[in-house]
Amino acid sequence: MFRGSADSALAASVFCFTRQRAYGRVAPAGFEEVLVIVCLDPVVVVQGPGKIQWVSPPGSADSSPSIGWEGAGKAPAHFLLPHGFDYGTEVPYSEHPVWFSPDMDAPPQRAAYVDEDTREIDVPWGKLVLTRDGEYWRVHARDAGRQSR
């Protein structure tokens, strides 16, 4: 999935995009929303509710960002990319998911409403489809020539 310096460069690029446009907030205690990179070409980030907290990985004195769900009282599931970005195809549910894309120079905006459990994001090669699955949005790709990929 994400590994090494390419990951750091990707996260830094998205971070710079958010900072230039004042979309992201950096706080010493962490971040007040979860920003999930759901697509790499083009880079698309979906925002979800939650809190990212700074914690020390096992055996390290340095702090790294990790998902910290408020009130969960559990150890974080995984550590994140630099600058507090998560990655994958699962985004915490919110009624109106917001997305942005540095590659498409698209500012934060709501995903298009399809029905109560489905939202879409247009990308140059097709659509990213967000489907509700309990407390999460599951994201999959649908290009113009196929149902999903």
N, C-alpha and C. Protein backbone atom coordinates (compact mmCIF):
# COMPACT_ATOMS: atom_id res chain seq x y z
N MET A 1 0.84 -1.17 0.00
CA MET A 1 0.00 0.00 0.00
C MET A 1 0.89 1.24 0.00
N PHE A 2 0.95 2.01 1.08
CA PHE A 2 1.79 3.19 1.16
C PHE A 2 3.08 2.81 1.87
N ARG A 3 4.23 3.11 1.27
CA ARG A 3 5.50 2.76 1.88
C ARG A 3 6.55 3.82 1.53
N GLY A 4 7.43 4.11 2.49
CA GLY A 4 8.64 4.87 2.24
C GLY A 4 8.46 6.33 1.89
N SER A 5 9.48 6.86 1.18
CA SER A 5 9.54 8.29 0.88
C SER A 5 8.43 8.75 -0.06
N ALA A 6 7.95 7.87 -0.92
CA ALA A 6 6.84 8.26 -1.81
C ALA A 6 5.60 8.59 -0.98
N ASP A 7 5.38 7.84 0.09
CA ASP A 7 4.25 8.12 0.98
C ASP A 7 4.40 9.47 1.64
N SER A 8 5.60 9.76 2.12
CA SER A 8 5.85 11.04 2.76
C SER A 8 5.66 12.18 1.78
N ALA A 9 6.10 12.00 0.55
CA ALA A 9 5.94 13.04 -0.47
C ALA A 9 4.46 13.26 -0.79
N LEU A 10 3.69 12.19 -0.89
CA LEU A 10 2.26 12.30 -1.16
C LEU A 10 1.56 13.03 -0.02
N ALA A 11 1.81 12.61 1.21
CA ALA A 11 1.19 13.26 2.35
C ALA A 11 1.60 14.72 2.45
N ALA A 12 2.88 15.02 2.19
CA ALA A 12 3.35 16.40 2.24
C ALA A 12 2.68 17.24 1.17
N SER A 13 2.48 16.67 -0.02
CA SER A 13 1.82 17.38 -1.11
C SER A 13 0.38 17.73 -0.73
N VAL A 14 -0.35 16.76 -0.20
CA VAL A 14 -1.74 17.01 0.21
C VAL A 14 -1.76 18.01 1.36
N PHE A 15 -0.82 17.86 2.31
CA PHE A 15 -0.75 18.78 3.44
C PHE A 15 -0.52 20.21 2.96
N CYS A 16 0.42 20.41 2.02
CA CYS A 16 0.69 21.75 1.49
C CYS A 16 -0.56 22.32 0.81
N PHE A 17 -1.27 21.49 0.05
CA PHE A 17 -2.50 21.94 -0.61
C PHE A 17 -3.51 22.43 0.42
N THR A 18 -3.67 21.68 1.51
CA THR A 18 -4.64 22.08 2.52
C THR A 18 -4.18 23.33 3.26
N ARG A 19 -2.90 23.44 3.55
CA ARG A 19 -2.39 24.61 4.27
C ARG A 19 -2.50 25.87 3.40
N GLN A 20 -2.19 25.77 2.11
CA GLN A 20 -2.26 26.93 1.21
C GLN A 20 -3.68 27.48 1.15
N ARG A 21 -4.64 26.62 1.26
CA ARG A 21 -6.03 27.05 1.14
C ARG A 21 -6.74 27.12 2.49
N ALA A 22 -5.97 26.97 3.56
CA ALA A 22 -6.48 27.05 4.94
C ALA A 22 -7.59 26.02 5.20
N TYR A 23 -7.51 24.82 4.59
CA TYR A 23 -8.51 23.78 4.84
C TYR A 23 -8.16 22.97 6.07
N GLY A 24 -6.85 22.77 6.28
CA GLY A 24 -6.44 21.91 7.38
C GLY A 24 -6.11 22.72 8.62
N ARG A 25 -6.29 22.11 9.78
CA ARG A 25 -5.91 22.75 11.03
C ARG A 25 -4.86 21.86 11.69
N VAL A 26 -3.79 22.47 12.12
CA VAL A 26 -2.76 21.73 12.82
C VAL A 26 -2.79 22.16 14.27
N ALA A 27 -2.95 21.21 15.16
CA ALA A 27 -2.99 21.50 16.58
C ALA A 27 -1.99 20.60 17.28
N PRO A 28 -1.36 21.10 18.37
CA PRO A 28 -0.39 20.26 19.08
C PRO A 28 -0.98 18.93 19.54
N ALA A 29 -2.27 18.91 19.86
CA ALA A 29 -2.90 17.68 20.36
C ALA A 29 -3.36 16.76 19.25
N GLY A 30 -3.40 17.23 18.01
CA GLY A 30 -3.84 16.40 16.89
C GLY A 30 -4.75 17.17 15.96
N PHE A 31 -5.65 16.45 15.30
CA PHE A 31 -6.54 17.03 14.32
C PHE A 31 -7.98 16.73 14.72
N GLU A 32 -8.88 17.60 14.38
CA GLU A 32 -10.27 17.45 14.79
C GLU A 32 -11.15 16.74 13.76
N GLU A 33 -10.57 16.28 12.67
CA GLU A 33 -11.31 15.48 11.70
C GLU A 33 -10.36 14.46 11.10
N VAL A 34 -10.93 13.44 10.49
CA VAL A 34 -10.14 12.40 9.84
C VAL A 34 -10.12 12.70 8.35
N LEU A 35 -8.92 12.83 7.78
CA LEU A 35 -8.76 13.07 6.35
C LEU A 35 -8.19 11.79 5.74
N VAL A 36 -8.98 11.15 4.86
CA VAL A 36 -8.60 9.86 4.30
C VAL A 36 -8.31 10.00 2.81
N ILE A 37 -7.09 9.64 2.39
CA ILE A 37 -6.74 9.60 0.97
C ILE A 37 -7.37 8.33 0.42
N VAL A 38 -8.39 8.49 -0.46
CA VAL A 38 -9.13 7.34 -0.97
C VAL A 38 -8.77 7.00 -2.41
N CYS A 39 -8.04 7.88 -3.08
CA CYS A 39 -7.67 7.64 -4.48
C CYS A 39 -6.32 8.31 -4.72
N LEU A 40 -5.46 7.65 -5.52
CA LEU A 40 -4.13 8.18 -5.82
C LEU A 40 -4.02 8.84 -7.17
N ASP A 41 -4.89 8.50 -8.12
CA ASP A 41 -4.79 9.06 -9.47
C ASP A 41 -6.18 9.35 -10.00
N PRO A 42 -6.66 10.56 -9.76
CA PRO A 42 -6.04 11.69 -9.07
C PRO A 42 -6.13 11.51 -7.55
N VAL A 43 -5.29 12.25 -6.83
CA VAL A 43 -5.38 12.21 -5.37
C VAL A 43 -6.70 12.83 -4.95
N VAL A 44 -7.49 12.07 -4.18
CA VAL A 44 -8.77 12.53 -3.65
C VAL A 44 -8.77 12.22 -2.15
N VAL A 45 -9.15 13.23 -1.36
CA VAL A 45 -9.20 13.10 0.09
C VAL A 45 -10.64 13.31 0.55
N VAL A 46 -11.15 12.40 1.39
CA VAL A 46 -12.49 12.54 1.95
C VAL A 46 -12.36 12.79 3.44
N GLN A 47 -13.12 13.75 3.93
CA GLN A 47 -13.10 14.11 5.35
C GLN A 47 -14.21 13.40 6.09
N GLY A 48 -13.87 12.88 7.27
CA GLY A 48 -14.86 12.23 8.11
C GLY A 48 -14.75 12.70 9.54
N PRO A 49 -15.78 12.45 10.35
CA PRO A 49 -15.73 12.87 11.75
C PRO A 49 -14.78 11.97 12.55
N GLY A 50 -14.23 12.51 13.57
CA GLY A 50 -13.33 11.75 14.43
C GLY A 50 -12.21 12.64 14.89
N LYS A 51 -11.29 12.09 15.64
CA LYS A 51 -10.17 12.86 16.14
C LYS A 51 -8.91 12.05 15.94
N ILE A 52 -7.89 12.70 15.43
CA ILE A 52 -6.59 12.08 15.30
C ILE A 52 -5.73 12.62 16.44
N GLN A 53 -5.16 11.72 17.23
CA GLN A 53 -4.35 12.11 18.36
C GLN A 53 -2.90 11.70 18.12
N TRP A 54 -1.97 12.39 18.77
CA TRP A 54 -0.56 12.05 18.69
C TRP A 54 -0.25 11.06 19.79
N VAL A 55 0.35 9.93 19.43
CA VAL A 55 0.74 8.92 20.42
C VAL A 55 2.15 8.43 20.09
N SER A 56 2.79 7.80 21.04
CA SER A 56 4.11 7.22 20.81
C SER A 56 3.96 5.77 20.39
N PRO A 57 4.56 5.41 19.23
CA PRO A 57 4.52 3.99 18.83
C PRO A 57 5.24 3.14 19.87
N PRO A 58 4.88 1.86 19.98
CA PRO A 58 5.55 0.99 20.94
C PRO A 58 7.07 1.01 20.73
N GLY A 59 7.83 1.22 21.82
CA GLY A 59 9.28 1.22 21.74
C GLY A 59 9.90 2.50 21.22
N SER A 60 9.10 3.58 21.09
CA SER A 60 9.62 4.84 20.55
C SER A 60 9.28 5.98 21.49
N ALA A 61 10.21 6.93 21.56
CA ALA A 61 9.95 8.13 22.36
C ALA A 61 9.29 9.21 21.51
N ASP A 62 9.32 9.04 20.19
CA ASP A 62 8.73 10.03 19.29
C ASP A 62 7.23 9.81 19.18
N SER A 63 6.51 10.90 18.94
CA SER A 63 5.06 10.79 18.74
C SER A 63 4.75 10.72 17.26
N SER A 64 3.80 9.89 16.91
CA SER A 64 3.31 9.76 15.55
C SER A 64 1.80 9.86 15.59
N PRO A 65 1.18 10.32 14.49
CA PRO A 65 -0.28 10.41 14.52
C PRO A 65 -0.93 9.04 14.43
N SER A 66 -2.03 8.88 15.12
CA SER A 66 -2.80 7.66 15.03
C SER A 66 -4.27 8.01 15.19
N ILE A 67 -5.13 7.16 14.68
CA ILE A 67 -6.56 7.40 14.83
C ILE A 67 -6.92 7.27 16.30
N GLY A 68 -7.65 8.23 16.82
CA GLY A 68 -8.12 8.17 18.19
C GLY A 68 -9.59 8.51 18.22
N TRP A 69 -10.45 7.52 18.21
CA TRP A 69 -11.88 7.79 18.20
C TRP A 69 -12.30 8.25 19.57
N GLU A 70 -12.98 9.37 19.62
CA GLU A 70 -13.39 9.95 20.90
C GLU A 70 -14.29 8.97 21.65
N GLY A 71 -13.98 8.76 22.91
CA GLY A 71 -14.80 7.91 23.75
C GLY A 71 -14.56 6.42 23.56
N ALA A 72 -13.72 6.04 22.61
CA ALA A 72 -13.50 4.62 22.34
C ALA A 72 -12.67 3.97 23.45
N GLY A 73 -11.67 4.71 23.94
CA GLY A 73 -10.82 4.17 24.99
C GLY A 73 -10.02 2.96 24.58
N LYS A 74 -9.76 2.80 23.27
CA LYS A 74 -9.01 1.66 22.77
C LYS A 74 -7.69 2.13 22.17
N ALA A 75 -6.76 1.21 22.04
CA ALA A 75 -5.50 1.51 21.38
C ALA A 75 -5.78 1.78 19.90
N PRO A 76 -4.98 2.64 19.26
CA PRO A 76 -5.21 2.94 17.85
C PRO A 76 -5.04 1.69 16.98
N ALA A 77 -5.81 1.64 15.91
CA ALA A 77 -5.77 0.49 15.00
C ALA A 77 -4.50 0.50 14.15
N HIS A 78 -4.05 1.68 13.75
CA HIS A 78 -2.84 1.77 12.92
C HIS A 78 -2.30 3.19 12.97
N PHE A 79 -1.07 3.33 12.52
CA PHE A 79 -0.47 4.65 12.46
C PHE A 79 -0.69 5.22 11.07
N LEU A 80 -0.65 6.53 10.99
CA LEU A 80 -1.03 7.22 9.76
C LEU A 80 0.16 7.73 8.98
N LEU A 81 -0.13 8.27 7.81
CA LEU A 81 0.90 8.93 7.01
C LEU A 81 1.33 10.21 7.71
N PRO A 82 2.46 10.78 7.31
CA PRO A 82 2.87 12.05 7.90
C PRO A 82 1.77 13.10 7.75
N HIS A 83 1.77 14.06 8.65
CA HIS A 83 0.82 15.17 8.68
C HIS A 83 -0.60 14.73 9.04
N GLY A 84 -0.77 13.51 9.55
CA GLY A 84 -2.06 13.10 10.08
C GLY A 84 -3.07 12.60 9.07
N PHE A 85 -2.67 12.23 7.86
CA PHE A 85 -3.60 11.71 6.87
C PHE A 85 -3.72 10.20 7.01
N ASP A 86 -4.95 9.70 6.90
CA ASP A 86 -5.19 8.27 6.84
C ASP A 86 -5.26 7.89 5.36
N TYR A 87 -5.36 6.62 5.07
CA TYR A 87 -5.46 6.17 3.69
C TYR A 87 -6.29 4.90 3.65
N GLY A 88 -6.92 4.65 2.52
CA GLY A 88 -7.69 3.43 2.37
C GLY A 88 -9.05 3.71 1.75
N THR A 89 -9.96 2.76 1.90
CA THR A 89 -11.27 2.87 1.26
C THR A 89 -12.40 2.92 2.28
N GLU A 90 -12.06 3.26 3.51
CA GLU A 90 -13.05 3.34 4.58
C GLU A 90 -12.95 4.71 5.24
N VAL A 91 -14.09 5.43 5.29
CA VAL A 91 -14.13 6.77 5.86
C VAL A 91 -15.23 6.79 6.92
N PRO A 92 -14.98 7.37 8.08
CA PRO A 92 -16.05 7.46 9.08
C PRO A 92 -17.29 8.14 8.49
N TYR A 93 -18.47 7.62 8.82
CA TYR A 93 -19.72 8.12 8.26
C TYR A 93 -20.04 9.53 8.76
N SER A 94 -20.49 10.35 7.84
CA SER A 94 -21.15 11.63 8.15
C SER A 94 -22.24 11.78 7.09
N GLU A 95 -23.30 12.47 7.42
CA GLU A 95 -24.42 12.58 6.49
C GLU A 95 -24.01 13.24 5.18
N HIS A 96 -23.13 14.22 5.26
CA HIS A 96 -22.69 14.95 4.06
C HIS A 96 -21.17 14.86 3.94
N PRO A 97 -20.64 13.75 3.38
CA PRO A 97 -19.19 13.63 3.28
C PRO A 97 -18.61 14.73 2.38
N VAL A 98 -17.50 15.28 2.83
CA VAL A 98 -16.82 16.36 2.11
C VAL A 98 -15.52 15.81 1.55
N TRP A 99 -15.18 16.22 0.32
CA TRP A 99 -13.97 15.76 -0.33
C TRP A 99 -13.24 16.94 -0.95
N PHE A 100 -11.95 16.75 -1.26
CA PHE A 100 -11.17 17.71 -2.04
C PHE A 100 -10.08 16.96 -2.78
N SER A 101 -9.51 17.63 -3.80
CA SER A 101 -8.46 16.99 -4.59
C SER A 101 -7.41 18.00 -5.01
N PRO A 102 -6.16 17.83 -4.53
CA PRO A 102 -5.10 18.71 -4.99
C PRO A 102 -4.82 18.54 -6.48
N ASP A 103 -4.90 17.31 -7.00
CA ASP A 103 -4.62 17.06 -8.42
C ASP A 103 -5.64 17.71 -9.34
N MET A 104 -6.90 17.77 -8.92
CA MET A 104 -7.95 18.38 -9.74
C MET A 104 -8.18 19.83 -9.33
N ASP A 105 -7.38 20.33 -8.38
CA ASP A 105 -7.52 21.68 -7.84
C ASP A 105 -8.97 21.93 -7.39
N ALA A 106 -9.54 20.91 -6.77
CA ALA A 106 -10.94 20.97 -6.30
C ALA A 106 -10.96 21.28 -4.81
N PRO A 107 -11.58 22.39 -4.41
CA PRO A 107 -11.68 22.73 -2.99
C PRO A 107 -12.66 21.80 -2.29
N PRO A 108 -12.70 21.83 -0.95
CA PRO A 108 -13.65 20.99 -0.22
C PRO A 108 -15.09 21.23 -0.67
N GLN A 109 -15.79 20.13 -0.92
CA GLN A 109 -17.18 20.19 -1.37
C GLN A 109 -17.87 18.88 -1.01
N ARG A 110 -19.18 18.93 -0.92
CA ARG A 110 -19.94 17.71 -0.60
C ARG A 110 -19.91 16.75 -1.78
N ALA A 111 -19.85 15.46 -1.46
CA ALA A 111 -20.00 14.44 -2.49
C ALA A 111 -21.44 14.48 -2.99
N ALA A 112 -21.63 14.20 -4.28
CA ALA A 112 -22.97 14.27 -4.89
C ALA A 112 -23.90 13.21 -4.29
N TYR A 113 -25.10 13.64 -3.94
CA TYR A 113 -26.12 12.75 -3.38
C TYR A 113 -26.70 11.88 -4.48
N VAL A 114 -26.72 10.56 -4.27
CA VAL A 114 -27.36 9.62 -5.19
C VAL A 114 -28.63 9.09 -4.54
N ASP A 115 -28.47 8.55 -3.34
CA ASP A 115 -29.61 8.14 -2.51
C ASP A 115 -29.15 8.16 -1.06
N GLU A 116 -30.00 7.74 -0.15
CA GLU A 116 -29.70 7.84 1.28
C GLU A 116 -28.38 7.18 1.68
N ASP A 117 -28.01 6.11 0.99
CA ASP A 117 -26.82 5.35 1.33
C ASP A 117 -25.70 5.42 0.30
N THR A 118 -25.81 6.34 -0.66
CA THR A 118 -24.82 6.41 -1.73
C THR A 118 -24.49 7.86 -2.08
N ARG A 119 -23.19 8.13 -2.24
CA ARG A 119 -22.71 9.43 -2.72
C ARG A 119 -21.69 9.15 -3.81
N GLU A 120 -21.42 10.15 -4.67
CA GLU A 120 -20.45 9.98 -5.75
C GLU A 120 -19.54 11.20 -5.85
N ILE A 121 -18.32 10.92 -6.34
CA ILE A 121 -17.33 11.95 -6.62
C ILE A 121 -16.87 11.73 -8.05
N ASP A 122 -17.04 12.74 -8.91
CA ASP A 122 -16.58 12.64 -10.30
C ASP A 122 -15.07 12.82 -10.36
N VAL A 123 -14.41 11.91 -11.07
CA VAL A 123 -12.98 12.01 -11.34
C VAL A 123 -12.80 11.86 -12.85
N PRO A 124 -11.64 12.25 -13.42
CA PRO A 124 -11.49 12.24 -14.88
C PRO A 124 -11.78 10.90 -15.56
N TRP A 125 -11.53 9.79 -14.90
CA TRP A 125 -11.73 8.48 -15.53
C TRP A 125 -13.07 7.83 -15.17
N GLY A 126 -13.87 8.46 -14.32
CA GLY A 126 -15.16 7.86 -13.92
C GLY A 126 -15.67 8.46 -12.63
N LYS A 127 -15.98 7.60 -11.65
CA LYS A 127 -16.53 8.07 -10.37
C LYS A 127 -15.95 7.26 -9.21
N LEU A 128 -15.85 7.94 -8.07
CA LEU A 128 -15.63 7.25 -6.82
C LEU A 128 -17.00 7.15 -6.16
N VAL A 129 -17.40 5.96 -5.78
CA VAL A 129 -18.72 5.74 -5.21
C VAL A 129 -18.55 5.45 -3.73
N LEU A 130 -19.24 6.23 -2.89
CA LEU A 130 -19.25 6.03 -1.45
C LEU A 130 -20.55 5.33 -1.09
N THR A 131 -20.46 4.17 -0.48
CA THR A 131 -21.63 3.39 -0.08
C THR A 131 -21.61 3.24 1.44
N ARG A 132 -22.73 3.56 2.07
CA ARG A 132 -22.79 3.47 3.52
C ARG A 132 -22.77 2.02 3.97
N ASP A 133 -21.94 1.78 4.98
CA ASP A 133 -21.83 0.47 5.59
C ASP A 133 -21.74 0.70 7.10
N GLY A 134 -22.90 0.85 7.74
CA GLY A 134 -22.93 1.12 9.18
C GLY A 134 -22.37 2.48 9.52
N GLU A 135 -21.28 2.50 10.27
CA GLU A 135 -20.66 3.75 10.72
C GLU A 135 -19.59 4.26 9.75
N TYR A 136 -19.52 3.66 8.55
CA TYR A 136 -18.49 4.03 7.59
C TYR A 136 -19.07 4.23 6.20
N TRP A 137 -18.34 4.98 5.40
CA TRP A 137 -18.52 5.00 3.95
C TRP A 137 -17.47 4.07 3.39
N ARG A 138 -17.84 3.15 2.51
CA ARG A 138 -16.90 2.31 1.77
C ARG A 138 -16.77 2.93 0.39
N VAL A 139 -15.55 3.10 -0.07
CA VAL A 139 -15.29 3.78 -1.34
C VAL A 139 -14.81 2.77 -2.36
N HIS A 140 -15.42 2.78 -3.54
CA HIS A 140 -14.92 1.97 -4.65
C HIS A 140 -14.97 2.81 -5.92
N ALA A 141 -14.23 2.36 -6.91
CA ALA A 141 -14.11 3.10 -8.16
C ALA A 141 -15.03 2.51 -9.22
N ARG A 142 -15.60 3.39 -10.04
CA ARG A 142 -16.39 2.96 -11.19
C ARG A 142 -15.95 3.82 -12.37
N ASP A 143 -15.37 3.17 -13.38
CA ASP A 143 -14.94 3.95 -14.55
C ASP A 143 -16.05 3.94 -15.60
N ALA A 144 -15.86 4.73 -16.63
CA ALA A 144 -16.90 4.89 -17.66
C ALA A 144 -17.20 3.59 -18.39
N GLY A 145 -16.24 2.66 -18.47
CA GLY A 145 -16.44 1.44 -19.23
C GLY A 145 -16.80 0.22 -18.42
N ARG A 146 -16.72 0.32 -17.07
CA ARG A 146 -16.96 -0.85 -16.24
C ARG A 146 -17.76 -0.47 -15.01
N GLN A 147 -18.34 -1.46 -14.34
CA GLN A 147 -19.13 -1.24 -13.13
C GLN A 147 -18.26 -0.79 -11.97
N SER A 148 -17.18 -1.51 -11.69
CA SER A 148 -16.30 -1.13 -10.59
C SER A 148 -14.92 -1.68 -10.84
N ARG A 149 -13.95 -1.10 -10.08
CA ARG A 149 -12.58 -1.61 -10.19
C ARG A 149 -11.92 -1.53 -8.84
